[in-house]
């Protein structure tokens, strides 16, 4: 725990007991515990929002890729190729 051993923790608690007093020390510990709990909760929510943003980015990228593939497919279908023109010309030539 932050490189602090048991003797250091006991010394800090003893100094806190002398400075703050035995009546206010439990209230201070309670407030400190609540503050740490709120900090953990805020940190957890922040991590979740980052995860959600990365998931949404992945979905957006997937849809953009699909959109590009669809556009390419539509362009390929709508633009006749030279092979089709040659086959059509040969068919018309053989009919004449």
C-alpha atoms as a PDB file:
ATOM      1  CA  UNK A   1       0.000   0.000   0.000  1.00  0.00           C
ATOM      2  CA  UNK A   2       2.029   2.952  -1.332  1.00  0.00           C
ATOM      3  CA  UNK A   3       5.218   1.546   0.222  1.00  0.00           C
ATOM      4  CA  UNK A   4       3.917   2.242   3.737  1.00  0.00           C
ATOM      5  CA  UNK A   5       4.351  -0.550   6.236  1.00  0.00           C
ATOM      6  CA  UNK A   6       2.346  -1.343   9.349  1.00  0.00           C
ATOM      7  CA  UNK A   7       4.521   0.740  11.740  1.00  0.00           C
ATOM      8  CA  UNK A   8       4.067   3.839   9.557  1.00  0.00           C
ATOM      9  CA  UNK A   9       0.298   3.336   9.400  1.00  0.00           C
ATOM     10  CA  UNK A  10       0.110   3.022  13.209  1.00  0.00           C
ATOM     11  CA  UNK A  11       2.177   6.195  13.614  1.00  0.00           C
ATOM     12  CA  UNK A  12      -0.114   8.109  11.226  1.00  0.00           C
ATOM     13  CA  UNK A  13      -3.214   6.892  13.092  1.00  0.00           C
ATOM     14  CA  UNK A  14      -1.707   7.862  16.449  1.00  0.00           C
ATOM     15  CA  UNK A  15      -0.876  11.373  15.198  1.00  0.00           C
ATOM     16  CA  UNK A  16      -4.366  11.714  13.675  1.00  0.00           C
ATOM     17  CA  UNK A  17      -5.923  10.623  16.988  1.00  0.00           C
ATOM     18  CA  UNK A  18      -3.911  13.229  18.905  1.00  0.00           C
ATOM     19  CA  UNK A  19      -4.463  16.080  16.389  1.00  0.00           C
ATOM     20  CA  UNK A  20      -8.118  15.472  15.502  1.00  0.00           C
ATOM     21  CA  UNK A  21      -9.316  13.952  18.740  1.00  0.00           C
ATOM     22  CA  UNK A  22     -11.178  10.751  19.515  1.00  0.00           C
ATOM     23  CA  UNK A  23     -14.644  12.288  19.009  1.00  0.00           C
ATOM     24  CA  UNK A  24     -14.102  13.605  15.479  1.00  0.00           C
ATOM     25  CA  UNK A  25     -11.901  10.785  14.167  1.00  0.00           C
ATOM     26  CA  UNK A  26     -14.786   8.366  13.355  1.00  0.00           C
ATOM     27  CA  UNK A  27     -16.660  11.124  11.477  1.00  0.00           C
ATOM     28  CA  UNK A  28     -13.529  11.963   9.529  1.00  0.00           C
ATOM     29  CA  UNK A  29     -12.967   8.298   8.648  1.00  0.00           C
ATOM     30  CA  UNK A  30     -16.612   7.982   7.562  1.00  0.00           C
ATOM     31  CA  UNK A  31     -16.336  11.052   5.321  1.00  0.00           C
ATOM     32  CA  UNK A  32     -13.065   9.817   3.874  1.00  0.00           C
ATOM     33  CA  UNK A  33     -14.626   6.414   3.127  1.00  0.00           C
ATOM     34  CA  UNK A  34     -17.560   8.040   1.352  1.00  0.00           C
ATOM     35  CA  UNK A  35     -15.226  10.255  -0.692  1.00  0.00           C
ATOM     36  CA  UNK A  36     -13.168   7.256  -1.775  1.00  0.00           C
ATOM     37  CA  UNK A  37     -16.365   5.366  -2.682  1.00  0.00           C
ATOM     38  CA  UNK A  38     -17.605   8.270  -4.808  1.00  0.00           C
ATOM     39  CA  UNK A  39     -14.219   8.507  -6.509  1.00  0.00           C
ATOM     40  CA  UNK A  40     -14.295   4.789  -7.350  1.00  0.00           C
ATOM     41  CA  UNK A  41     -17.840   5.112  -8.693  1.00  0.00           C
ATOM     42  CA  UNK A  42     -16.903   8.088 -10.894  1.00  0.00           C
ATOM     43  CA  UNK A  43     -13.834   6.246 -12.171  1.00  0.00           C
ATOM     44  CA  UNK A  44     -15.923   3.180 -13.019  1.00  0.00           C
ATOM     45  CA  UNK A  45     -18.498   5.284 -14.902  1.00  0.00           C
ATOM     46  CA  UNK A  46     -15.724   7.032 -16.828  1.00  0.00           C
ATOM     47  CA  UNK A  47     -14.207   3.699 -17.848  1.00  0.00           C
ATOM     48  CA  UNK A  48     -17.627   2.474 -19.020  1.00  0.00           C
ATOM     49  CA  UNK A  49     -18.151   5.597 -21.132  1.00  0.00           C
ATOM     50  CA  UNK A  50     -14.756   5.081 -22.780  1.00  0.00           C
ATOM     51  CA  UNK A  51     -15.652   1.441 -23.522  1.00  0.00           C
ATOM     52  CA  UNK A  52     -19.004   2.494 -24.995  1.00  0.00           C
ATOM     53  CA  UNK A  53     -17.302   5.117 -27.177  1.00  0.00           C
ATOM     54  CA  UNK A  54     -14.832   2.566 -28.526  1.00  0.00           C
ATOM     55  CA  UNK A  55     -17.668   0.108 -29.225  1.00  0.00           C
ATOM     56  CA  UNK A  56     -19.630   2.800 -31.065  1.00  0.00           C
ATOM     57  CA  UNK A  57     -16.547   3.663 -33.115  1.00  0.00           C
ATOM     58  CA  UNK A  58     -16.196   0.014 -34.131  1.00  0.00           C
ATOM     59  CA  UNK A  59     -19.851  -0.104 -35.206  1.00  0.00           C
ATOM     60  CA  UNK A  60     -19.494   3.155 -37.134  1.00  0.00           C
ATOM     61  CA  UNK A  61     -16.404   1.860 -38.942  1.00  0.00           C
ATOM     62  CA  UNK A  62     -18.255  -1.332 -39.863  1.00  0.00           C
ATOM     63  CA  UNK A  63     -21.176   0.618 -41.329  1.00  0.00           C
ATOM     64  CA  UNK A  64     -18.807   2.873 -43.283  1.00  0.00           C
ATOM     65  CA  UNK A  65     -17.089  -0.198 -44.755  1.00  0.00           C
ATOM     66  CA  UNK A  66     -20.461  -1.689 -45.694  1.00  0.00           C
ATOM     67  CA  UNK A  67     -21.488   1.599 -47.293  1.00  0.00           C
ATOM     68  CA  UNK A  68     -18.315   1.658 -49.395  1.00  0.00           C
ATOM     69  CA  UNK A  69     -18.839  -1.960 -50.484  1.00  0.00           C
ATOM     70  CA  UNK A  70     -22.444  -1.239 -51.480  1.00  0.00           C
ATOM     71  CA  UNK A  71     -21.383   1.832 -53.473  1.00  0.00           C
ATOM     72  CA  UNK A  72     -18.737  -0.198 -55.298  1.00  0.00           C
ATOM     73  CA  UNK A  73     -21.248  -2.947 -56.081  1.00  0.00           C
ATOM     74  CA  UNK A  74     -23.795  -0.449 -57.410  1.00  0.00           C
ATOM     75  CA  UNK A  75     -21.141   1.260 -59.528  1.00  0.00           C
ATOM     76  CA  UNK A  76     -20.063  -2.106 -60.972  1.00  0.00           C
ATOM     77  CA  UNK A  77     -23.633  -3.048 -61.866  1.00  0.00           C
ATOM     78  CA  UNK A  78     -24.605   0.324 -63.333  1.00  0.00           C
ATOM     79  CA  UNK A  79     -21.497   0.757 -65.503  1.00  0.00           C
ATOM     80  CA  UNK A  80     -21.476  -1.778 -68.373  1.00  0.00           C
ATOM     81  CA  UNK A  81     -18.117  -3.374 -68.950  1.00  0.00           C
ATOM     82  CA  UNK A  82     -16.273  -3.530 -72.252  1.00  0.00           C
ATOM     83  CA  UNK A  83     -16.669  -7.321 -72.353  1.00  0.00           C
ATOM     84  CA  UNK A  84     -20.459  -7.006 -72.396  1.00  0.00           C
ATOM     85  CA  UNK A  85     -20.288  -4.436 -75.196  1.00  0.00           C
ATOM     86  CA  UNK A  86     -18.052  -6.706 -77.291  1.00  0.00           C
ATOM     87  CA  UNK A  87     -20.351  -9.696 -76.804  1.00  0.00           C
ATOM     88  CA  UNK A  88     -23.344  -7.561 -77.749  1.00  0.00           C
ATOM     89  CA  UNK A  89     -21.576  -6.219 -80.873  1.00  0.00           C
ATOM     90  CA  UNK A  90     -20.553  -9.735 -81.936  1.00  0.00           C
ATOM     91  CA  UNK A  91     -24.080 -11.003 -81.448  1.00  0.00           C
ATOM     92  CA  UNK A  92     -25.485  -8.160 -83.541  1.00  0.00           C
ATOM     93  CA  UNK A  93     -22.845  -8.757 -86.228  1.00  0.00           C
ATOM     94  CA  UNK A  94     -23.666 -12.457 -86.483  1.00  0.00           C
ATOM     95  CA  UNK A  95     -27.374 -11.694 -86.791  1.00  0.00           C
ATOM     96  CA  UNK A  96     -26.833  -9.451 -89.819  1.00  0.00           C
END
